[in-house]
Amino acid sequence: MKQKQTEEEITMHSLSSYLRDFSMKIKSFTFDNLVKFSVEKAKEMLTEVLQAALEEEALESLGVKKKGEHNKDRIGYFNSGYSRTMDTIIGTIKFKRIRVVFKDKSKKFESKIIKKYSRRDSELIYLTLIGYYTGQSCRKMAVLLQKMYGTILSPSGVSRVLKIIDKKRDEFHKRRIEKYYRYIWLDGMYVKVRNIGKFWVLLALGEDEKGKKELIDYRISKREDELSYEEFLEDLRERGLRKPLIFVIDGHRGLLSAIQTVFPFSKIQVCVAHKQRDVLNRTSIENREKVSKDLRYVYSSKTKEEAFRRLKEFKSKWKKKEPLAVHSLKYSFSLTLTYLEFDESIQRKIRTNNPMERYIEEIRRRTKPMRIFQNLDSLDRLI
């Protein structure tokens, strides 16, 4: 009769399965997927993580947890390091290579993370970061690194290295917003988190006075409602966000109310594309093509006065055949025309929520290989 499997054997079997699954996952998920929107910040983070990993590797080879620690079992000490550069997929980074001198002169330290004469990027660091972003435990990451590269980083060592990313994330959420954003797009996207359920990521995307678009901030919320948006916007305002020339939204009623509460008397543009889709969704299939043509005619107006005249014509034509479509178009119609108050050269930019839609699409493309987040932290790190 076969003996009952020991806990250690079961653990090793589960880890082996994990290694196979994770190795398959990373084939379609590369580090550049994570950094597309902020290459410079990504280089800065990669440099700090690499430096910390090299120091942790050296410390563990000496049997200590931090520099200067007095330990009777210590088998060597740090020597002055030297600067190195490395070419990576996101540009050249500069770091300090660690030197270790052992008491036993016959023993030499050689990093498993960066080979002695290597000038190319370390796949190990990318793998560690990807695992961290996707919510893998430090214990599993340490085993994975040991299996694939032979590095001696312990789970606690991996944890200390990767706390750098959490620090960066926290600094981002708490930073003072000094820059002025003339246009701000707001929206939410839902994601699934393993064993917890569905969450919403509330996003604020801004364009500064130089025309550069960037993520202002985001918040993970259990709901996409007025209170959630109001708390998000209030936090941004308290950190220095000033009222823009215009807010662009998809028409969410809770978001509309939240803006009016936190930034009263702001100009708000409800996305024309969302409005048209909403009207067509309430139109019968047989009339959808004709209604779509009439909607394009309404929104080709050059002035508000012209748009309201065309709305009246639309109502007269469709109020009996398509009452739901007419009601949908009438609701907040004036807010879909705010863009006409601006110079014609920027009207196309602010009449829809397309910049935010593209940003959300890119986030989904980056997160698609994961399918579902391990936990809220992995979601927060990746956004």
Protein backbone atom coordinates (compact mmCIF):
# COMPACT_ATOMS: atom_id res chain seq x y z
CA MET A 1 0.00 0.00 0.00
CA LYS A 2 1.26 3.44 -0.91
CA GLN A 3 2.19 5.67 1.98
CA LYS A 4 0.18 8.81 2.50
CA GLN A 5 1.83 11.85 0.83
CA THR A 6 3.69 14.09 3.23
CA GLU A 7 2.78 17.76 3.52
CA GLU A 8 6.15 18.64 1.96
CA GLU A 9 5.51 16.41 -1.08
CA ILE A 10 2.07 17.94 -1.56
CA THR A 11 3.55 21.44 -1.28
CA MET A 12 6.29 20.68 -3.83
CA HIS A 13 3.72 19.19 -6.21
CA SER A 14 1.54 22.32 -5.97
CA LEU A 15 4.59 24.53 -6.49
CA SER A 16 5.60 22.54 -9.57
CA SER A 17 2.11 23.01 -11.00
CA TYR A 18 2.31 26.70 -10.15
CA LEU A 19 5.65 27.05 -11.93
CA ARG A 20 4.25 25.46 -15.09
CA ASP A 21 1.13 27.63 -15.06
CA PHE A 22 3.02 30.84 -14.33
CA SER A 23 5.65 30.12 -16.99
CA MET A 24 2.85 29.76 -19.55
CA LYS A 25 1.21 32.98 -18.37
CA ILE A 26 4.28 35.20 -18.74
CA LYS A 27 4.84 34.13 -22.36
CA SER A 28 1.99 36.45 -23.33
CA PHE A 29 2.61 39.09 -20.67
CA THR A 30 5.82 41.13 -20.98
CA PHE A 31 7.10 43.99 -18.86
CA ASP A 32 6.62 46.58 -21.60
CA ASN A 33 2.87 45.89 -21.31
CA LEU A 34 3.07 47.47 -17.86
CA VAL A 35 4.92 50.65 -18.70
CA LYS A 36 3.53 52.00 -21.96
CA PHE A 37 2.06 55.16 -20.47
CA SER A 38 5.04 56.21 -18.33
CA VAL A 39 8.40 54.99 -19.63
CA GLU A 40 10.52 57.37 -17.53
CA LYS A 41 8.77 56.41 -14.30
CA ALA A 42 9.08 52.77 -15.27
CA LYS A 43 12.84 53.16 -15.80
CA GLU A 44 13.15 54.81 -12.41
CA MET A 45 11.21 52.01 -10.75
CA LEU A 46 13.13 49.29 -12.60
CA THR A 47 16.44 50.83 -11.50
CA GLU A 48 15.37 50.97 -7.86
CA VAL A 49 14.06 47.41 -7.88
CA LEU A 50 17.23 46.12 -9.56
CA GLN A 51 19.45 47.95 -7.07
CA ALA A 52 17.47 46.65 -4.12
CA ALA A 53 17.52 43.10 -5.50
CA LEU A 54 21.31 43.20 -5.92
CA GLU A 55 21.74 44.43 -2.35
CA GLU A 56 19.39 41.78 -0.97
CA GLU A 57 21.26 39.08 -2.88
CA ALA A 58 24.57 40.28 -1.44
CA LEU A 59 23.18 40.52 2.11
CA GLU A 60 21.79 37.01 2.00
CA SER A 61 25.11 35.67 0.76
CA LEU A 62 26.64 37.20 3.92
CA GLY A 63 23.93 35.86 6.22
CA VAL A 64 22.65 39.28 7.35
CA LYS A 65 19.47 41.28 6.77
CA LYS A 66 20.87 44.81 6.47
CA LYS A 67 24.10 46.73 5.96
CA GLY A 68 26.15 47.36 9.08
CA GLU A 69 24.46 44.55 11.00
CA HIS A 70 26.81 42.92 13.53
CA ASN A 71 26.43 39.19 13.39
CA LYS A 72 28.91 36.65 14.75
CA ASP A 73 28.02 34.33 11.88
CA ARG A 74 28.71 37.01 9.28
CA ILE A 75 31.09 35.56 6.71
CA GLY A 76 32.20 38.72 4.91
CA TYR A 77 31.50 42.37 4.24
CA PHE A 78 30.59 44.88 1.52
CA ASN A 79 33.30 46.56 -0.49
CA SER A 80 32.79 49.77 -2.46
CA GLY A 81 30.79 49.02 -5.57
CA TYR A 82 31.01 50.60 -8.99
CA SER A 83 28.58 52.18 -11.45
CA ARG A 84 27.24 50.22 -14.39
CA THR A 85 24.79 50.85 -17.19
CA MET A 86 22.44 48.34 -18.72
CA ASP A 87 20.37 48.35 -21.88
CA THR A 88 16.77 47.32 -21.26
CA ILE A 89 13.62 47.12 -23.34
CA ILE A 90 12.62 50.56 -22.01
CA GLY A 91 15.99 52.30 -22.37
CA THR A 92 19.36 52.48 -20.63
CA ILE A 93 19.40 52.44 -16.83
CA LYS A 94 22.28 53.17 -14.45
CA PHE A 95 22.88 51.24 -11.23
CA LYS A 96 25.62 50.36 -8.74
CA ARG A 97 27.08 46.87 -8.86
CA ILE A 98 27.66 45.33 -5.43
CA ARG A 99 31.05 43.94 -4.36
CA VAL A 100 31.26 41.35 -1.58
CA VAL A 101 34.47 40.25 0.12
CA PHE A 102 34.38 36.98 2.07
CA LYS A 103 36.62 36.20 5.03
CA ASP A 104 37.42 32.97 3.29
CA LYS A 105 39.54 34.34 0.43
CA SER A 106 38.93 31.25 -1.69
CA LYS A 107 35.25 32.13 -1.85
CA LYS A 108 33.94 34.57 -4.45
CA PHE A 109 30.60 36.29 -4.83
CA GLU A 110 28.95 36.26 -8.24
CA SER A 111 25.50 37.69 -8.75
CA LYS A 112 22.89 35.38 -10.21
CA ILE A 113 20.78 38.41 -11.09
CA ILE A 114 23.31 40.26 -13.25
CA LYS A 115 26.19 38.31 -14.72
CA LYS A 116 29.63 39.91 -14.34
CA TYR A 117 30.08 41.29 -17.85
CA SER A 118 26.43 41.46 -18.87
CA ARG A 119 25.23 44.68 -20.50
CA ARG A 120 21.81 43.34 -21.41
CA ASP A 121 18.67 43.41 -19.33
CA SER A 122 17.94 40.84 -16.64
CA GLU A 123 14.91 38.69 -17.43
CA LEU A 124 14.88 37.71 -13.76
CA ILE A 125 13.97 41.26 -12.70
CA TYR A 126 11.15 41.45 -15.26
CA LEU A 127 9.85 38.10 -14.12
CA THR A 128 9.88 39.22 -10.49
CA LEU A 129 8.02 42.43 -11.32
CA ILE A 130 5.43 40.67 -13.46
CA GLY A 131 4.80 38.15 -10.70
CA TYR A 132 4.45 40.95 -8.19
CA TYR A 133 2.10 42.98 -10.36
CA THR A 134 -0.09 39.95 -10.92
CA GLY A 135 -0.41 39.29 -7.18
CA GLN A 136 1.81 36.22 -6.70
CA SER A 137 3.05 35.61 -3.15
CA CYS A 138 6.67 36.35 -2.25
CA ARG A 139 7.13 32.73 -1.22
CA LYS A 140 6.06 31.48 -4.63
CA MET A 141 8.19 34.07 -6.38
CA ALA A 142 11.25 33.05 -4.33
CA VAL A 143 10.72 29.38 -5.29
CA LEU A 144 10.20 30.35 -8.93
CA LEU A 145 13.42 32.38 -9.02
CA GLN A 146 15.33 29.55 -7.34
CA LYS A 147 14.04 27.00 -9.85
CA MET A 148 14.63 29.11 -12.95
CA TYR A 149 17.78 31.06 -12.09
CA GLY A 150 19.32 29.60 -8.94
CA THR A 151 19.18 32.96 -7.13
CA ILE A 152 19.23 32.77 -3.34
CA LEU A 153 16.69 35.51 -2.61
CA SER A 154 14.39 34.41 0.21
CA PRO A 155 10.66 35.24 0.36
CA SER A 156 11.42 38.00 2.88
CA GLY A 157 14.17 39.30 0.59
CA VAL A 158 11.78 39.39 -2.37
CA SER A 159 9.22 41.14 -0.16
CA ARG A 160 11.68 43.86 0.88
CA VAL A 161 12.75 44.46 -2.72
CA LEU A 162 9.22 44.78 -4.02
CA LYS A 163 8.01 47.11 -1.29
CA ILE A 164 9.59 49.75 -3.53
CA ILE A 165 6.67 49.41 -5.94
CA ASP A 166 4.08 49.77 -3.19
CA LYS A 167 5.92 52.87 -1.99
CA LYS A 168 5.78 54.35 -5.50
CA ARG A 169 2.09 53.54 -5.75
CA ASP A 170 1.32 55.17 -2.40
CA GLU A 171 3.34 58.26 -3.33
CA PHE A 172 1.34 58.55 -6.56
CA HIS A 173 -2.00 58.43 -4.72
CA LYS A 174 -0.91 60.99 -2.12
CA ARG A 175 1.12 63.41 -4.23
CA ARG A 176 0.23 67.10 -4.47
CA ILE A 177 -1.35 67.89 -7.85
CA GLU A 178 0.51 71.01 -8.95
CA LYS A 179 -0.13 70.82 -12.67
CA TYR A 180 -3.17 72.49 -14.25
CA TYR A 181 -5.27 70.27 -16.52
CA ARG A 182 -7.39 72.21 -18.96
CA TYR A 183 -9.48 69.20 -20.07
CA ILE A 184 -10.38 66.27 -17.80
CA TRP A 185 -12.02 63.03 -18.89
CA LEU A 186 -13.70 60.88 -16.21
CA ASP A 187 -15.00 57.33 -16.37
CA GLY A 188 -15.03 53.97 -14.61
CA MET A 189 -14.14 50.41 -15.62
CA TYR A 190 -15.08 47.20 -13.83
CA VAL A 191 -12.70 44.36 -13.03
CA LYS A 192 -12.95 41.03 -11.25
CA VAL A 193 -10.86 40.16 -8.21
CA ARG A 194 -10.45 36.52 -7.23
CA ASN A 195 -12.61 35.35 -4.30
CA ILE A 196 -13.86 38.90 -3.66
CA GLY A 197 -15.97 39.88 -6.64
CA LYS A 198 -16.40 42.81 -9.00
CA PHE A 199 -14.81 46.19 -8.38
CA TRP A 200 -14.76 49.50 -10.22
CA VAL A 201 -11.71 51.53 -11.09
CA LEU A 202 -12.64 55.24 -11.22
CA LEU A 203 -10.26 57.09 -13.52
CA ALA A 204 -9.33 60.72 -14.15
CA LEU A 205 -7.37 61.49 -17.32
CA GLY A 206 -6.16 65.04 -17.97
CA GLU A 207 -4.55 67.13 -20.68
CA ASP A 208 -2.16 69.83 -19.46
CA GLU A 209 -1.48 73.22 -21.00
CA LYS A 210 1.21 71.74 -23.25
CA GLY A 211 -1.24 69.25 -24.72
CA LYS A 212 0.14 66.19 -22.88
CA LYS A 213 -2.42 63.64 -21.71
CA GLU A 214 -1.72 61.68 -18.53
CA LEU A 215 -3.46 59.78 -15.79
CA ILE A 216 -4.18 62.18 -12.92
CA ASP A 217 -5.21 59.44 -10.50
CA TYR A 218 -7.55 56.50 -10.03
CA ARG A 219 -9.47 54.91 -7.18
CA ILE A 220 -10.63 51.33 -6.65
CA SER A 221 -14.22 51.28 -5.47
CA LYS A 222 -16.86 48.66 -4.70
CA ARG A 223 -19.43 50.75 -6.59
CA GLU A 224 -19.68 53.23 -9.43
CA ASP A 225 -22.14 55.65 -7.88
CA GLU A 226 -22.46 59.32 -6.96
CA LEU A 227 -20.90 58.93 -3.50
CA SER A 228 -17.88 57.03 -4.84
CA TYR A 229 -17.22 59.65 -7.52
CA GLU A 230 -17.79 62.48 -5.07
CA GLU A 231 -15.21 61.06 -2.62
CA PHE A 232 -12.74 60.52 -5.49
CA LEU A 233 -13.13 64.07 -6.83
CA GLU A 234 -13.03 65.59 -3.34
CA ASP A 235 -9.71 63.87 -2.68
CA LEU A 236 -8.31 65.24 -5.96
CA ARG A 237 -9.55 68.74 -5.14
CA GLU A 238 -8.01 68.66 -1.65
CA ARG A 239 -4.68 67.61 -3.18
CA GLY A 240 -4.68 70.62 -5.48
CA LEU A 241 -6.69 69.71 -8.59
CA ARG A 242 -8.20 72.88 -10.05
CA LYS A 243 -11.39 73.24 -12.04
CA PRO A 244 -10.61 72.59 -15.73
CA LEU A 245 -12.04 74.37 -18.73
CA ILE A 246 -14.32 71.38 -19.19
CA PHE A 247 -15.07 67.91 -17.79
CA VAL A 248 -15.92 65.22 -20.36
CA ILE A 249 -18.02 62.25 -19.16
CA ASP A 250 -20.06 59.40 -20.61
CA GLY A 251 -23.33 60.64 -19.10
CA HIS A 252 -23.32 58.66 -15.85
CA ARG A 253 -25.86 60.45 -13.62
CA GLY A 254 -23.95 59.86 -10.39
CA LEU A 255 -20.75 61.25 -11.91
CA LEU A 256 -22.61 64.28 -13.26
CA SER A 257 -24.01 65.06 -9.80
CA ALA A 258 -20.62 64.51 -8.15
CA ILE A 259 -18.93 67.04 -10.45
CA GLN A 260 -21.64 69.60 -9.77
CA THR A 261 -21.14 69.08 -6.01
CA VAL A 262 -17.33 69.18 -5.84
CA PHE A 263 -16.68 71.61 -8.71
CA PRO A 264 -19.86 73.72 -8.93
CA PHE A 265 -20.51 75.79 -12.06
CA SER A 266 -18.07 73.66 -14.08
CA LYS A 267 -18.61 73.17 -17.80
CA ILE A 268 -19.54 69.56 -18.49
CA GLN A 269 -19.62 67.76 -21.82
CA VAL A 270 -21.62 64.54 -22.09
CA CYS A 271 -20.01 62.31 -24.73
CA VAL A 272 -21.80 62.63 -28.07
CA ALA A 273 -20.86 59.06 -29.07
CA HIS A 274 -22.35 57.64 -25.86
CA LYS A 275 -25.52 59.65 -26.36
CA GLN A 276 -25.92 58.40 -29.93
CA ARG A 277 -25.37 54.78 -28.87
CA ASP A 278 -27.89 55.17 -26.06
CA VAL A 279 -30.52 56.55 -28.45
CA LEU A 280 -29.93 53.78 -30.97
CA ASN A 281 -30.19 51.11 -28.27
CA ARG A 282 -33.73 52.40 -27.64
CA THR A 283 -34.62 52.38 -31.32
CA SER A 284 -36.32 49.49 -33.12
CA ILE A 285 -34.10 47.55 -35.52
CA GLU A 286 -36.22 48.48 -38.54
CA ASN A 287 -35.73 52.22 -37.96
CA ARG A 288 -32.20 52.17 -36.55
CA GLU A 289 -30.41 53.13 -39.75
CA LYS A 290 -32.72 56.09 -40.43
CA VAL A 291 -32.54 57.32 -36.83
CA SER A 292 -28.74 57.04 -36.93
CA LYS A 293 -28.65 59.24 -40.02
CA ASP A 294 -30.88 61.84 -38.35
CA LEU A 295 -28.69 61.81 -35.23
CA ARG A 296 -25.61 62.57 -37.30
CA TYR A 297 -27.52 65.47 -38.84
CA VAL A 298 -28.43 66.83 -35.39
CA TYR A 299 -24.82 66.64 -34.17
CA SER A 300 -23.37 68.18 -37.30
CA SER A 301 -24.82 71.51 -36.15
CA LYS A 302 -22.39 74.43 -35.90
CA THR A 303 -24.25 76.25 -33.12
CA LYS A 304 -26.46 75.38 -30.18
CA GLU A 305 -29.39 77.21 -31.73
CA GLU A 306 -29.10 75.12 -34.89
CA ALA A 307 -28.82 71.91 -32.82
CA PHE A 308 -32.01 72.68 -30.89
CA ARG A 309 -33.89 73.39 -34.14
CA ARG A 310 -32.78 70.03 -35.49
CA LEU A 311 -33.75 68.35 -32.20
CA LYS A 312 -37.27 69.76 -32.65
CA GLU A 313 -37.39 68.30 -36.16
CA PHE A 314 -36.18 64.95 -34.83
CA LYS A 315 -38.89 64.91 -32.16
CA SER A 316 -41.64 65.74 -34.67
CA LYS A 317 -40.50 62.95 -36.97
CA TRP A 318 -39.95 60.16 -34.42
CA LYS A 319 -42.01 60.86 -31.27
CA LYS A 320 -44.79 58.46 -32.29
CA LYS A 321 -42.71 55.71 -33.92
CA GLU A 322 -39.74 55.80 -31.51
CA PRO A 323 -40.80 57.49 -28.24
CA LEU A 324 -38.04 55.86 -26.19
CA ALA A 325 -35.36 57.10 -28.59
CA VAL A 326 -36.79 60.63 -28.50
CA HIS A 327 -36.89 60.62 -24.70
CA SER A 328 -33.29 59.41 -24.55
CA LEU A 329 -32.06 62.15 -26.88
CA LYS A 330 -33.93 64.89 -24.98
CA TYR A 331 -32.40 63.87 -21.62
CA SER A 332 -29.36 66.11 -20.91
CA PHE A 333 -29.31 67.12 -24.59
CA SER A 334 -27.91 70.55 -23.75
CA LEU A 335 -24.92 68.95 -21.99
CA THR A 336 -23.98 67.15 -25.20
CA LEU A 337 -23.57 70.55 -26.88
CA THR A 338 -21.15 72.20 -24.42
CA TYR A 339 -18.27 71.66 -26.85
CA LEU A 340 -19.88 74.20 -29.21
CA GLU A 341 -18.97 76.96 -26.72
CA PHE A 342 -15.29 76.35 -27.51
CA ASP A 343 -13.11 77.19 -30.47
CA GLU A 344 -13.73 74.96 -33.46
CA SER A 345 -10.10 73.79 -33.39
CA ILE A 346 -10.63 71.83 -30.14
CA GLN A 347 -14.28 70.80 -30.49
CA ARG A 348 -13.44 67.38 -31.90
CA LYS A 349 -11.13 66.68 -28.96
CA ILE A 350 -13.71 67.41 -26.24
CA ARG A 351 -17.00 66.32 -27.79
CA THR A 352 -16.48 62.64 -26.87
CA ASN A 353 -14.92 60.54 -24.15
CA ASN A 354 -12.70 58.78 -26.70
CA PRO A 355 -9.34 59.57 -25.00
CA MET A 356 -10.56 57.83 -21.85
CA GLU A 357 -12.07 54.98 -23.84
CA ARG A 358 -8.69 54.37 -25.52
CA TYR A 359 -6.94 54.47 -22.14
CA ILE A 360 -9.33 51.91 -20.65
CA GLU A 361 -8.96 49.74 -23.74
CA GLU A 362 -5.18 49.79 -23.26
CA ILE A 363 -5.52 48.83 -19.58
CA ARG A 364 -7.72 45.89 -20.55
CA ARG A 365 -5.19 44.83 -23.19
CA ARG A 366 -2.43 44.85 -20.59
CA THR A 367 -4.48 42.92 -18.03
CA LYS A 368 -6.07 40.42 -20.43
CA PRO A 369 -3.42 37.68 -19.91
CA MET A 370 -4.26 37.66 -16.18
CA ARG A 371 -8.03 37.32 -16.82
CA ILE A 372 -8.72 37.86 -13.12
CA PHE A 373 -6.71 39.68 -10.45
CA GLN A 374 -5.34 37.72 -7.48
CA ASN A 375 -6.19 40.52 -5.02
CA LEU A 376 -6.86 44.25 -4.74
CA ASP A 377 -3.15 45.02 -4.38
CA SER A 378 -2.32 43.41 -7.73
CA LEU A 379 -5.06 45.51 -9.36
CA ASP A 380 -3.77 48.71 -7.73
CA ARG A 381 -0.16 48.03 -8.78
CA LEU A 382 -0.99 47.43 -12.41
CA ILE A 383 -3.27 50.42 -13.08
